[in-house]
Protein backbone atom coordinates (compact mmCIF):
# COMPACT_ATOMS: atom_id res chain seq x y z
CA MET A 1 0.00 0.00 0.00
CA LYS A 2 1.30 3.47 -0.95
CA LYS A 3 2.30 5.90 1.82
CA SER A 4 -0.56 8.26 0.92
CA SER A 5 -3.03 5.33 0.88
CA LEU A 6 -1.76 4.12 4.27
CA LYS A 7 -2.28 7.61 5.66
CA LEU A 8 -5.87 7.65 4.37
CA TYR A 9 -6.48 4.17 5.82
CA GLU A 10 -5.32 5.33 9.26
CA LYS A 11 -7.56 8.40 8.99
CA VAL A 12 -10.63 6.24 8.26
CA LYS A 13 -9.76 3.75 11.02
CA ASN A 14 -9.25 6.43 13.68
CA GLU A 15 -11.54 9.30 12.68
CA PHE A 16 -14.53 8.08 10.64
CA PRO A 17 -17.80 7.56 12.56
CA GLU A 18 -20.11 4.54 12.28
CA THR A 19 -23.07 6.66 11.14
CA PRO A 20 -24.88 7.36 7.83
CA GLY A 21 -23.20 9.87 5.58
CA VAL A 22 -21.34 10.72 2.39
CA TYR A 23 -17.61 10.12 1.80
CA ILE A 24 -15.48 12.12 -0.65
CA PHE A 25 -12.16 11.04 -2.23
CA LYS A 26 -10.07 13.98 -3.49
CA ASN A 27 -6.91 14.42 -5.53
CA SER A 28 -5.05 17.76 -5.58
CA SER A 29 -8.22 19.51 -4.39
CA LYS A 30 -10.25 17.88 -7.18
CA VAL A 31 -13.04 15.48 -6.23
CA ILE A 32 -12.53 12.06 -7.86
CA TYR A 33 -15.26 9.97 -6.21
CA ILE A 34 -18.33 10.48 -4.00
CA GLY A 35 -20.26 7.69 -2.27
CA LYS A 36 -22.95 7.17 0.39
CA ALA A 37 -23.01 4.76 3.31
CA LYS A 38 -25.20 3.54 6.17
CA ASN A 39 -21.99 3.09 8.15
CA LEU A 40 -19.23 5.45 6.98
CA LYS A 41 -16.34 3.72 8.73
CA LYS A 42 -17.26 0.20 7.60
CA ARG A 43 -17.99 1.23 3.99
CA VAL A 44 -14.85 3.29 3.40
CA LEU A 45 -12.54 0.72 5.07
CA SER A 46 -13.77 -1.78 2.45
CA TYR A 47 -11.97 0.31 -0.23
CA PHE A 48 -8.62 -0.67 1.33
CA SER A 49 -9.23 -4.44 1.40
CA LYS A 50 -7.53 -6.84 -1.03
CA ASN A 51 -10.88 -7.86 -2.55
CA ALA A 52 -12.12 -4.29 -3.13
CA GLY A 53 -11.91 -4.49 -6.93
CA SER A 54 -10.00 -2.59 -9.62
CA LYS A 55 -12.14 0.57 -9.51
CA ALA A 56 -11.76 0.93 -5.71
CA GLU A 57 -8.01 0.32 -6.06
CA LYS A 58 -7.70 3.10 -8.65
CA ILE A 59 -9.66 5.53 -6.46
CA VAL A 60 -7.50 4.80 -3.40
CA ASN A 61 -4.24 5.05 -5.39
CA GLU A 62 -5.17 8.39 -6.98
CA ALA A 63 -6.61 10.02 -3.85
CA ASP A 64 -4.49 12.09 -1.51
CA GLU A 65 -7.34 13.37 0.66
CA LEU A 66 -10.49 11.83 2.13
CA ASP A 67 -13.41 13.64 3.74
CA TYR A 68 -16.91 12.82 4.99
CA ILE A 69 -20.23 14.50 5.84
CA VAL A 70 -22.44 13.00 8.55
CA VAL A 71 -26.25 13.03 8.01
CA ASN A 72 -29.24 11.83 10.01
CA SER A 73 -30.48 9.04 7.75
CA GLU A 74 -29.79 6.96 4.67
CA LYS A 75 -32.34 9.04 2.73
CA GLU A 76 -30.43 12.23 3.53
CA ALA A 77 -27.23 10.47 2.41
CA LEU A 78 -28.88 9.59 -0.93
CA LEU A 79 -29.98 13.18 -1.46
CA LEU A 80 -26.61 14.64 -0.54
CA GLU A 81 -24.68 12.13 -2.65
CA ALA A 82 -26.77 12.88 -5.77
CA ASN A 83 -26.49 16.64 -5.26
CA LEU A 84 -22.72 16.52 -4.76
CA ILE A 85 -22.16 14.22 -7.76
CA PHE A 86 -24.19 16.54 -9.97
CA LYS A 87 -22.31 19.59 -8.71
CA GLU A 88 -18.73 18.23 -8.58
CA LYS A 89 -18.86 15.75 -11.52
CA PRO A 90 -16.21 13.38 -10.06
CA VAL A 91 -14.02 11.34 -12.43
CA TYR A 92 -15.01 7.87 -11.15
CA ASN A 93 -18.74 8.43 -10.63
CA ALA A 94 -21.16 7.51 -13.42
CA MET A 95 -22.54 10.79 -14.72
CA LEU A 96 -25.98 11.55 -16.08
CA LYS A 97 -25.63 12.95 -19.62
CA GLU A 98 -28.54 14.50 -21.50
CA THR A 99 -28.62 13.23 -25.07
CA ARG A 100 -29.61 16.75 -26.16
CA TRP A 101 -29.82 20.17 -24.50
CA TYR A 102 -33.20 20.65 -22.83
CA PRO A 103 -34.62 24.07 -21.96
CA TYR A 104 -35.95 25.12 -18.55
CA ILE A 105 -38.27 27.94 -17.51
CA PHE A 106 -36.53 29.98 -14.82
CA ILE A 107 -38.29 32.12 -12.18
CA SER A 108 -35.82 34.37 -10.36
CA ASN A 109 -35.62 34.63 -6.59
CA GLU A 110 -36.49 38.35 -6.26
CA LYS A 111 -39.16 40.59 -4.76
CA PHE A 112 -40.54 41.02 -8.29
CA PRO A 113 -39.43 37.79 -10.06
CA THR A 114 -38.59 37.69 -13.74
CA ILE A 115 -39.15 34.68 -16.01
CA LYS A 116 -37.02 33.47 -18.92
CA ILE A 117 -35.81 30.40 -20.84
CA VAL A 118 -32.44 28.94 -19.77
CA ARG A 119 -30.44 25.80 -20.58
CA GLU A 120 -28.34 25.58 -17.41
CA LYS A 121 -29.10 25.94 -13.71
CA LYS A 122 -26.74 28.76 -12.73
CA GLU A 123 -28.82 31.38 -10.88
CA GLU A 124 -30.74 31.24 -7.60
CA GLY A 125 -34.43 30.64 -8.24
CA GLU A 126 -36.95 28.02 -9.36
CA TYR A 127 -36.58 25.89 -12.50
CA TYR A 128 -39.45 24.20 -14.34
CA GLY A 129 -38.69 21.47 -16.86
CA PRO A 130 -36.67 20.29 -18.56
CA TYR A 131 -38.91 20.53 -21.62
CA THR A 132 -38.53 18.51 -24.81
CA ASP A 133 -39.44 21.20 -27.36
CA ILE A 134 -37.88 24.70 -27.31
CA GLY A 135 -40.57 25.96 -29.73
CA PHE A 136 -43.30 24.85 -27.31
CA VAL A 137 -41.54 26.64 -24.41
CA ARG A 138 -41.23 29.90 -26.38
CA ARG A 139 -44.91 29.83 -27.33
CA LEU A 140 -45.78 29.01 -23.71
CA LEU A 141 -43.82 32.00 -22.37
CA ASN A 142 -45.19 34.44 -24.96
CA LEU A 143 -48.70 33.43 -23.92
CA SER A 144 -47.78 33.59 -20.21
CA TYR A 145 -46.61 37.21 -20.51
CA LYS A 146 -50.09 38.10 -21.76
CA LEU A 147 -51.89 35.98 -19.16
CA PHE A 148 -49.92 36.83 -16.02
CA LYS A 149 -48.05 40.01 -17.04
CA ILE A 150 -44.81 38.92 -15.36
CA ARG A 151 -41.73 40.83 -16.49
CA SER A 152 -39.15 39.33 -18.84
CA CYS A 153 -36.46 41.99 -18.26
CA SER A 154 -33.50 41.62 -15.89
CA ILE A 155 -33.30 45.19 -14.53
CA ASP A 156 -33.02 45.79 -10.79
CA ILE A 157 -36.58 46.69 -9.73
CA LYS A 158 -36.94 49.77 -7.55
CA PRO A 159 -40.60 50.84 -7.93
CA ASP A 160 -40.72 54.49 -9.02
CA LYS A 161 -44.09 56.00 -10.00
CA SER A 162 -42.33 58.79 -11.88
CA ARG A 163 -40.71 56.24 -14.19
CA LYS A 164 -42.30 55.68 -17.61
CA PRO A 165 -43.36 52.05 -18.28
CA CYS A 166 -41.68 50.33 -21.23
CA LEU A 167 -43.33 49.10 -24.43
CA GLU A 168 -44.13 45.66 -22.89
CA TYR A 169 -46.56 47.37 -20.49
CA HIS A 170 -48.32 49.19 -23.34
CA LEU A 171 -48.57 45.87 -25.22
CA ASN A 172 -50.31 44.44 -22.12
CA MET A 173 -47.49 41.90 -21.59
CA CYS A 174 -46.06 43.26 -18.30
CA SER A 175 -47.59 44.84 -15.18
CA ALA A 176 -44.73 47.40 -14.95
CA PRO A 177 -43.53 46.85 -11.36
CA CYS A 178 -40.58 49.15 -12.19
CA ALA A 179 -43.04 52.07 -12.56
CA GLY A 180 -44.98 51.18 -9.41
CA LYS A 181 -48.05 50.04 -11.37
CA ILE A 182 -48.50 46.92 -9.18
CA THR A 183 -47.72 46.02 -5.56
CA ALA A 184 -45.34 43.18 -4.66
CA GLU A 185 -48.27 41.24 -3.13
CA GLU A 186 -50.40 41.49 -6.31
CA TYR A 187 -47.41 40.72 -8.53
CA ASN A 188 -46.45 37.58 -6.59
CA LYS A 189 -50.07 36.40 -6.68
CA GLN A 190 -49.70 36.36 -10.48
CA VAL A 191 -46.38 34.50 -10.13
CA ARG A 192 -48.13 31.82 -8.03
CA LYS A 193 -50.81 31.45 -10.73
CA PHE A 194 -48.06 31.11 -13.34
CA LYS A 195 -46.45 28.29 -11.31
CA GLU A 196 -49.81 26.48 -11.07
CA PHE A 197 -50.13 26.89 -14.85
CA LEU A 198 -46.70 25.26 -15.36
CA ASN A 199 -47.70 22.44 -13.01
CA GLY A 200 -50.59 21.53 -15.30
CA GLU A 201 -53.49 23.46 -13.72
CA ILE A 202 -54.77 24.40 -17.19
CA LYS A 203 -58.42 23.34 -16.93
CA GLN A 204 -58.99 25.55 -13.88
CA LEU A 205 -57.37 28.55 -15.57
CA ILE A 206 -59.55 28.18 -18.68
CA GLU A 207 -62.68 27.96 -16.48
CA GLU A 208 -61.69 31.21 -14.69
CA LEU A 209 -61.04 32.96 -18.01
CA GLU A 210 -64.38 31.77 -19.44
CA LYS A 211 -66.22 33.18 -16.38
CA GLU A 212 -64.43 36.51 -16.79
CA MET A 213 -65.20 36.59 -20.53
CA LYS A 214 -68.89 35.97 -19.81
CA ARG A 215 -68.93 38.73 -17.14
CA LEU A 216 -67.37 41.26 -19.51
CA SER A 217 -69.80 40.34 -22.29
CA GLU A 218 -72.75 40.94 -19.94
CA LEU A 219 -71.27 44.39 -19.16
CA LEU A 220 -71.05 45.01 -22.95
CA GLU A 221 -67.22 45.16 -22.69
CA PHE A 222 -66.92 43.24 -25.94
CA GLU A 223 -63.35 44.26 -26.83
CA LYS A 224 -62.01 43.09 -23.45
CA ALA A 225 -64.07 39.89 -23.70
CA ALA A 226 -62.61 39.24 -27.18
CA ASN A 227 -59.07 39.60 -25.78
CA ILE A 228 -59.80 36.94 -23.16
CA ARG A 229 -61.35 34.71 -25.82
CA ASP A 230 -58.08 34.99 -27.81
CA LEU A 231 -56.11 33.98 -24.70
CA ILE A 232 -58.29 30.88 -24.25
CA PHE A 233 -57.73 29.94 -27.91
CA GLY A 234 -54.00 30.51 -27.36
CA ILE A 235 -53.87 28.11 -24.40
CA ARG A 236 -55.73 25.41 -26.31
CA ASN A 237 -53.65 25.85 -29.47
CA ILE A 238 -50.40 25.49 -27.50
CA PHE A 239 -51.32 22.58 -25.27
CA GLU A 240 -53.66 20.39 -27.30
CA PRO A 241 -51.05 19.37 -29.94
CA GLN A 242 -48.52 18.79 -27.14
CA PHE A 243 -50.61 16.45 -25.04
CA VAL A 244 -51.45 12.79 -25.41
CA VAL A 245 -54.32 12.23 -22.99
CA PHE A 246 -54.63 9.05 -20.89
CA ASN A 247 -57.86 7.98 -19.25
CA GLU A 248 -56.50 8.07 -15.71
CA ASN A 249 -55.82 11.47 -14.14
CA LEU A 250 -52.41 10.63 -12.62
CA ASP A 251 -48.85 11.98 -12.33
CA VAL A 252 -46.56 9.22 -13.63
CA ASP A 253 -43.02 8.89 -14.97
CA GLY A 254 -42.38 5.83 -17.15
CA ILE A 255 -38.65 4.98 -17.10
CA PHE A 256 -37.02 2.44 -19.39
CA PHE A 257 -33.30 2.01 -18.68
CA LYS A 258 -31.02 -0.40 -20.56
CA LYS A 259 -27.49 -0.46 -22.07
CA GLY A 260 -26.56 2.86 -20.47
CA VAL A 261 -29.51 4.77 -21.98
CA GLY A 262 -32.55 5.96 -20.02
CA GLU A 263 -35.86 7.13 -21.49
CA VAL A 264 -38.27 9.08 -19.27
CA LEU A 265 -41.92 9.64 -20.27
CA ARG A 266 -43.52 12.36 -18.14
CA ILE A 267 -47.29 12.25 -17.55
CA ARG A 268 -48.97 14.96 -15.49
CA ASN A 269 -52.71 15.09 -14.75
CA GLY A 270 -53.15 12.28 -17.28
CA ASN A 271 -51.40 14.27 -20.05
CA LEU A 272 -48.20 13.07 -21.71
CA LEU A 273 -46.07 16.22 -21.63
CA GLY A 274 -43.03 14.79 -23.43
CA LYS A 275 -39.99 12.56 -23.13
CA LEU A 276 -36.42 13.02 -21.89
CA SER A 277 -33.41 10.94 -22.92
CA PHE A 278 -30.17 10.39 -20.98
CA GLU A 279 -26.95 8.41 -21.14
CA PHE A 280 -25.72 6.94 -17.86
CA ASN A 281 -22.94 4.39 -17.40
CA GLY A 282 -24.02 3.11 -14.00
CA GLU A 283 -26.60 1.12 -12.05
CA PRO A 284 -30.36 1.70 -12.65
CA GLU A 285 -31.06 2.93 -9.10
CA ASP A 286 -28.13 5.35 -9.30
CA PHE A 287 -29.75 6.65 -12.50
CA LEU A 288 -32.98 7.28 -10.57
CA ARG A 289 -31.16 9.10 -7.77
CA GLN A 290 -29.26 11.40 -10.12
CA LEU A 291 -32.41 12.03 -12.13
CA TYR A 292 -34.57 13.15 -9.21
CA PHE A 293 -32.09 14.29 -6.55
CA GLY A 294 -29.26 15.58 -8.77
CA LEU A 295 -31.12 16.98 -11.77
CA LYS A 296 -34.04 17.75 -9.44
CA LEU A 297 -36.84 16.56 -11.72
CA SER A 298 -40.24 16.88 -10.05
CA ILE A 299 -41.17 13.55 -8.42
CA PRO A 300 -44.60 12.18 -9.50
CA GLU A 301 -47.02 9.97 -7.58
CA ILE A 302 -45.85 6.87 -9.47
CA ILE A 303 -42.45 6.01 -10.99
CA LEU A 304 -42.64 2.98 -13.30
CA THR A 305 -39.41 1.14 -14.19
CA ASN A 306 -38.34 -1.87 -16.24
CA PHE A 307 -35.90 -2.96 -13.50
CA LYS A 308 -36.22 -4.23 -9.94
CA THR A 309 -35.92 -1.69 -7.13
CA GLU A 310 -35.39 -1.94 -3.39
CA SER A 311 -38.59 -2.45 -1.39
CA GLU A 312 -38.07 0.77 0.61
CA ILE A 313 -37.24 2.98 -2.37
CA SER A 314 -40.69 4.65 -2.57
CA LYS A 315 -40.18 6.00 0.98
CA THR A 316 -36.77 7.34 -0.03
CA PHE A 317 -38.33 9.17 -2.98
CA GLY A 318 -41.37 10.32 -0.96
CA THR A 319 -43.82 8.94 -3.52
CA ASN A 320 -46.60 6.33 -3.67
CA TYR A 321 -44.84 3.70 -5.78
CA VAL A 322 -41.54 3.00 -7.51
CA GLY A 323 -41.16 -0.24 -9.48
CA LYS A 324 -42.42 -2.44 -12.29
CA PRO A 325 -45.97 -2.02 -13.75
CA ARG A 326 -48.83 -3.54 -11.76
CA ASN A 327 -51.79 -3.22 -14.20
CA ASP A 328 -52.66 -2.76 -17.89
CA PHE A 329 -52.55 1.05 -17.70
CA GLU A 330 -49.04 1.02 -16.24
CA ILE A 331 -47.89 -1.64 -18.74
CA LYS A 332 -49.11 0.64 -21.56
CA ILE A 333 -47.04 3.55 -20.23
CA LEU A 334 -43.84 1.53 -19.85
CA GLU A 335 -44.29 -0.01 -23.30
CA LEU A 336 -44.50 3.50 -24.77
CA SER A 337 -41.30 4.36 -22.90
CA ARG A 338 -39.62 1.23 -24.32
CA LEU A 339 -40.57 2.14 -27.89
CA ASN A 340 -39.06 5.62 -27.43
CA TRP A 341 -35.94 4.04 -25.87
CA GLU A 342 -35.47 1.88 -28.97
CA GLU A 343 -35.58 4.96 -31.20
CA GLU A 344 -33.12 6.87 -28.99
CA TYR A 345 -30.73 3.92 -28.71
CA ARG A 346 -30.73 3.52 -32.51
CA LYS A 347 -29.74 7.20 -32.90
CA ILE A 348 -26.91 6.80 -30.37
CA GLU A 349 -25.66 3.67 -32.15
CA ASP A 350 -25.80 5.51 -35.51
CA THR A 351 -23.74 8.38 -34.06
CA GLU A 352 -21.17 5.99 -32.60
CA ASN A 353 -20.92 4.22 -35.96
CA ALA A 354 -20.46 7.57 -37.72
CA LEU A 355 -17.62 8.53 -35.33
CA ASN A 356 -15.91 5.16 -35.89
CA ARG A 357 -16.30 5.56 -39.64
CA LEU A 358 -14.79 9.08 -39.49
CA LYS A 359 -11.84 7.77 -37.49
CA GLU A 360 -11.30 5.06 -40.09
CA ILE A 361 -11.56 7.09 -43.30
CA LEU A 362 -9.66 10.14 -41.95
CA GLU A 363 -7.06 7.90 -40.27
CA LEU A 364 -7.44 9.76 -36.97
CA PRO A 365 -5.44 8.74 -33.87
CA HIS A 366 -8.67 8.39 -31.82
CA LEU A 367 -12.44 8.85 -32.10
CA PRO A 368 -13.43 12.45 -32.96
CA ARG A 369 -15.54 12.88 -29.84
CA ARG A 370 -15.21 16.66 -30.07
CA ILE A 371 -15.57 18.30 -33.48
CA GLU A 372 -15.41 22.08 -33.92
CA GLY A 373 -16.61 23.71 -37.14
CA ILE A 374 -15.71 27.15 -38.53
CA ASP A 375 -17.46 29.15 -41.26
CA ILE A 376 -17.02 32.70 -42.61
CA SER A 377 -19.84 34.98 -43.75
CA HIS A 378 -19.76 38.47 -45.33
CA THR A 379 -21.34 40.67 -48.01
CA GLN A 380 -18.62 41.41 -50.56
CA GLY A 381 -16.18 41.69 -47.66
CA LEU A 382 -18.42 43.90 -45.50
CA PHE A 383 -19.63 42.81 -42.03
CA THR A 384 -17.19 39.86 -42.04
CA VAL A 385 -17.97 37.39 -39.24
CA ALA A 386 -16.99 33.86 -38.28
CA SER A 387 -18.92 31.16 -36.45
CA LEU A 388 -17.51 28.36 -34.34
CA VAL A 389 -19.83 25.46 -33.52
CA VAL A 390 -19.09 22.52 -31.21
CA PHE A 391 -20.28 18.92 -31.57
CA VAL A 392 -19.61 16.41 -28.77
CA ASP A 393 -20.34 12.74 -29.57
CA GLY A 394 -22.13 13.88 -32.71
CA LYS A 395 -24.47 16.27 -30.87
CA PRO A 396 -24.41 20.11 -31.02
CA MET A 397 -23.38 21.81 -27.76
CA LYS A 398 -25.00 25.19 -28.36
CA ASN A 399 -23.85 26.70 -25.08
CA GLU A 400 -20.26 26.40 -26.40
CA TYR A 401 -20.88 28.10 -29.75
CA ARG A 402 -18.89 31.31 -30.34
CA ARG A 403 -19.09 34.22 -32.82
CA TYR A 404 -16.26 36.45 -34.06
CA ARG A 405 -16.39 39.70 -36.01
CA PHE A 406 -13.62 41.35 -38.05
CA ASP A 407 -14.31 45.06 -38.52
CA SER A 408 -10.79 45.54 -39.94
CA ILE A 409 -11.53 43.28 -42.95
CA ASN A 410 -13.35 45.24 -45.68
CA SER A 411 -12.73 43.06 -48.74
CA PRO A 412 -13.61 39.42 -49.50
CA ASP A 413 -10.78 37.37 -47.95
CA ASP A 414 -11.91 34.03 -46.50
CA PHE A 415 -8.31 32.82 -46.11
CA LEU A 416 -7.29 35.76 -43.89
CA SER A 417 -10.55 35.54 -41.91
CA ILE A 418 -10.00 31.82 -41.23
CA LYS A 419 -6.43 32.45 -40.07
CA LYS A 420 -7.61 35.18 -37.71
CA VAL A 421 -10.40 33.15 -36.11
CA VAL A 422 -8.21 30.01 -35.73
CA ILE A 423 -5.48 32.03 -33.99
CA ARG A 424 -7.97 33.85 -31.74
CA ARG A 425 -9.71 30.62 -30.77
CA TYR A 426 -6.79 28.25 -30.21
CA GLN A 427 -4.40 30.63 -28.52
CA LYS A 428 -6.85 30.42 -25.58
CA TYR A 429 -8.62 27.06 -25.91
CA ASP A 430 -7.67 23.39 -26.30
CA LEU A 431 -7.78 21.85 -29.75
CA PRO A 432 -10.66 19.55 -30.73
CA ASP A 433 -10.26 15.96 -31.94
CA LEU A 434 -11.19 17.22 -35.41
CA LEU A 435 -11.39 20.76 -36.82
CA PHE A 436 -13.86 21.22 -39.66
CA ILE A 437 -13.57 24.19 -42.05
CA ASP A 438 -16.44 25.08 -44.37
CA GLY A 439 -14.57 25.38 -47.66
CA GLY A 440 -12.06 23.84 -50.04
CA LYS A 441 -8.30 23.35 -50.05
CA GLY A 442 -7.45 27.05 -49.69
CA GLN A 443 -9.58 27.46 -46.56
CA VAL A 444 -8.35 24.19 -45.02
CA ASN A 445 -4.69 25.05 -45.68
CA SER A 446 -5.24 28.51 -44.16
CA ALA A 447 -6.43 26.86 -40.92
CA VAL A 448 -3.40 24.53 -40.84
CA GLU A 449 -1.00 27.48 -41.41
CA ALA A 450 -2.69 29.44 -38.60
CA LEU A 451 -2.31 26.50 -36.19
CA LYS A 452 1.39 26.17 -37.14
CA SER A 453 1.93 29.88 -36.44
CA ILE A 454 0.90 29.32 -32.79
CA GLY A 455 2.80 26.04 -32.48
CA LYS A 456 -0.22 23.73 -32.55
CA SER A 457 -1.69 21.05 -34.81
CA CYS A 458 -4.72 18.77 -35.05
CA PRO A 459 -6.60 16.93 -37.82
CA VAL A 460 -8.32 19.45 -40.17
CA VAL A 461 -10.82 18.70 -42.97
CA GLY A 462 -13.25 20.62 -45.15
CA ILE A 463 -16.02 19.94 -47.64
CA ALA A 464 -15.84 21.36 -51.16
CA LYS A 465 -19.18 23.05 -51.88
CA GLU A 466 -19.44 21.91 -55.50
CA ASP A 467 -19.86 18.18 -54.97
CA GLU A 468 -19.48 17.45 -51.22
CA ARG A 469 -15.91 16.10 -51.56
CA ILE A 470 -13.93 15.82 -48.29
CA VAL A 471 -10.80 17.98 -48.54
CA PHE A 472 -7.53 17.28 -46.67
CA PRO A 473 -4.63 19.69 -46.13
CA GLY A 474 -1.72 19.03 -48.49
CA ALA A 475 -3.40 16.03 -50.16
CA LYS A 476 -3.28 15.71 -53.95
CA THR A 477 -6.71 14.08 -54.17
CA ASP A 478 -9.96 14.62 -52.31
CA LEU A 479 -12.23 11.93 -50.88
CA LYS A 480 -15.56 11.37 -52.60
CA LEU A 481 -18.09 9.40 -50.54
CA PRO A 482 -21.70 8.40 -51.34
CA LEU A 483 -24.15 11.04 -50.05
CA ASP A 484 -25.74 8.48 -47.70
CA ASP A 485 -22.41 7.63 -46.02
CA ILE A 486 -22.83 8.10 -42.24
CA ALA A 487 -19.46 9.84 -41.86
CA LEU A 488 -20.20 12.34 -44.64
CA ARG A 489 -23.69 12.98 -43.21
CA LEU A 490 -22.13 13.90 -39.85
CA LEU A 491 -19.66 16.32 -41.46
CA ILE A 492 -22.47 17.88 -43.52
CA LYS A 493 -24.46 18.33 -40.30
CA VAL A 494 -21.50 20.23 -38.78
CA ARG A 495 -21.09 22.23 -42.02
CA ASP A 496 -24.77 23.22 -42.18
CA GLU A 497 -24.86 24.24 -38.51
CA SER A 498 -21.70 26.39 -38.76
CA HIS A 499 -23.10 27.97 -41.94
CA ARG A 500 -26.47 28.71 -40.29
CA PHE A 501 -24.84 30.20 -37.20
CA ALA A 502 -22.46 32.41 -39.24
CA ASN A 503 -25.22 33.64 -41.56
CA SER A 504 -27.59 34.51 -38.70
CA PHE A 505 -24.88 36.62 -37.02
CA HIS A 506 -23.92 38.30 -40.29
CA SER A 507 -27.56 39.13 -41.10
CA LYS A 508 -28.08 40.54 -37.62
CA LEU A 509 -25.05 42.85 -37.92
CA ARG A 510 -25.97 43.92 -41.45
CA ASP A 511 -29.62 44.63 -40.59
CA LYS A 512 -28.64 46.49 -37.42
CA ARG A 513 -26.24 48.69 -39.39
CA ILE A 514 -28.93 49.41 -42.01
CA VAL A 515 -31.56 50.23 -39.38
CA GLU A 516 -29.24 52.35 -37.25
CA SER A 517 -28.24 54.33 -40.34
CA LYS A 518 -31.82 55.69 -40.34
CA LEU A 519 -30.93 57.67 -37.21
CA ASP A 520 -27.71 58.88 -38.84
CA ASN A 521 -29.71 60.46 -41.68
CA ILE A 522 -31.84 62.64 -39.39
CA PRO A 523 -30.56 66.25 -39.13
CA GLY A 524 -29.65 67.11 -35.54
CA ILE A 525 -28.82 63.52 -34.53
CA GLY A 526 -25.12 63.19 -33.82
CA PRO A 527 -23.20 60.32 -32.18
CA LYS A 528 -24.08 61.45 -28.63
CA ARG A 529 -27.82 61.74 -29.21
CA LYS A 530 -27.87 58.49 -31.20
CA LYS A 531 -26.09 56.69 -28.33
CA ALA A 532 -28.45 58.23 -25.76
CA LEU A 533 -31.55 57.15 -27.73
CA LEU A 534 -30.33 53.58 -28.18
CA LYS A 535 -29.31 53.37 -24.52
CA ARG A 536 -32.72 54.62 -23.35
CA PHE A 537 -34.91 52.56 -25.72
CA GLY A 538 -32.66 49.61 -26.61
CA SER A 539 -33.25 49.62 -30.38
CA VAL A 540 -34.37 51.83 -33.29
CA GLU A 541 -37.62 49.84 -33.43
CA LYS A 542 -38.40 50.86 -29.84
CA VAL A 543 -37.50 54.50 -30.63
CA ARG A 544 -40.03 54.28 -33.48
CA ASN A 545 -42.72 53.01 -31.09
CA ALA A 546 -41.98 55.58 -28.35
CA SER A 547 -44.12 58.70 -27.89
CA ILE A 548 -42.91 62.19 -28.85
CA ASN A 549 -42.76 63.11 -25.14
CA GLU A 550 -40.58 60.06 -24.35
CA ILE A 551 -38.17 60.94 -27.18
CA LYS A 552 -38.19 64.60 -26.09
CA GLU A 553 -36.97 63.55 -22.62
CA VAL A 554 -33.81 62.17 -24.25
CA VAL A 555 -33.05 64.71 -27.02
CA LYS A 556 -34.29 67.76 -24.99
CA SER A 557 -36.11 69.23 -28.00
CA GLU A 558 -39.76 68.80 -29.00
CA LYS A 559 -39.04 69.93 -32.58
CA LEU A 560 -36.31 67.28 -32.94
CA ALA A 561 -38.54 64.63 -31.32
CA VAL A 562 -41.26 65.33 -33.90
CA LEU A 563 -38.64 65.11 -36.69
CA ILE A 564 -37.40 61.74 -35.39
CA LYS A 565 -40.94 60.31 -35.28
CA LYS A 566 -41.58 61.60 -38.80
CA ASN A 567 -38.39 60.05 -40.21
CA LEU A 568 -38.83 56.69 -38.47
């Protein structure tokens, strides 16, 4: 036994208690493994025995520090273990990996909360989701702003009745707490209703809206009644296509876990809200713990699984039942989960095959787990921008995408632009397993030269736009593959995504420059006034929608305010 391991053994023997808790192996201040135990001392001592196994031996040999946290019960240990694993992401723990990036609805922890769509849990507040469909979530939030009038901005709210409400208030999509138009008590009542809405209390909300519509109609307030009617239609149009309705009004999760892939069907109030897919290289019950205690998914009344669970697990999860189906209704749910698992597993296998095929045909030293793609976009050299997209295991990691702009380049020069973005990117960041350049030999060679100039190298390929040939740096011939080849399809997917991302950024810059030039053409608007207007209103579009009095407050001239409104 190594000296450091002997030291850890003595620490466990002399200091660890015989109580429930969580133990933490560390290496150079980095957590390498986290576990739970009914008896901390007995469990951790087992890591130092001759029959502990290869994984335990590796953990002990790599660790130079060992810590523990005492809790009151095994359930608390389960909760703490899952939370710590999710937070620290230790090397030797099986980690829950989403097969795609799922959106959440975030409600901030403030006196006047704001709501928005996020993809990561970074801020203090409440998270609802994850949701399967980003389009559904956007439609849901747009409708919610009209229904509950909760703010979407992130400004620090200090109610001030002298402050002018923004355009969202005038569009009836915010209650303007910043201008003192609503009390904190009234505002948070709307937030509570919004939370009930997200939890599936849709029928009750529609009934309340129908009563209010009828009341307004009886008062001959037909315009207001029509607005409420439109909201009711909006709710039904958003939710009805999303839901598959079951006969029984239950909250159920159907979980099918096999071969390191887990499929979760989420049913709330008898409505199938969607499915979530995960990869997890560990035991089924560890998958459950990380799902509900680490990821913090809402726990339903019933959790159906295709694997055996401990008899006491439902108490641990604080729910009615966890285990295999007990009747025809539950069998139907788990069968649906299995069918979705088969589809997800096929996609994962296809991706793995595509990565192996890429490794083979490009003669790479190892699987291209991380592929980064670069594309350049401009209009005859103007508004030159570059996109960088990231694919990990064949899936886009949109939170890692980056954009670059080159105001100093005013003529069409893709080669120079590629050199600049490669140098800017890889002077700071690690190289990928494969760098993809959208273009032919000239563009690919430019990337290789740029890497050489900073003393780095990695495999680089491109795709010639004419006939989808794979281009290599320095090679005399290109590689022509059938269009249905799985490796080529993956590269085309990276190419199309980098192209889309570059074009969207380029269009945004170009359109912004065109729109902002409208202010430049108005007599009396110089750089200072232009900056002040954009700072106050946020965009030219919002200046256009502002009143003459609001514009006058900024430019200090009624005559100029009238001129601005006329020109815009």
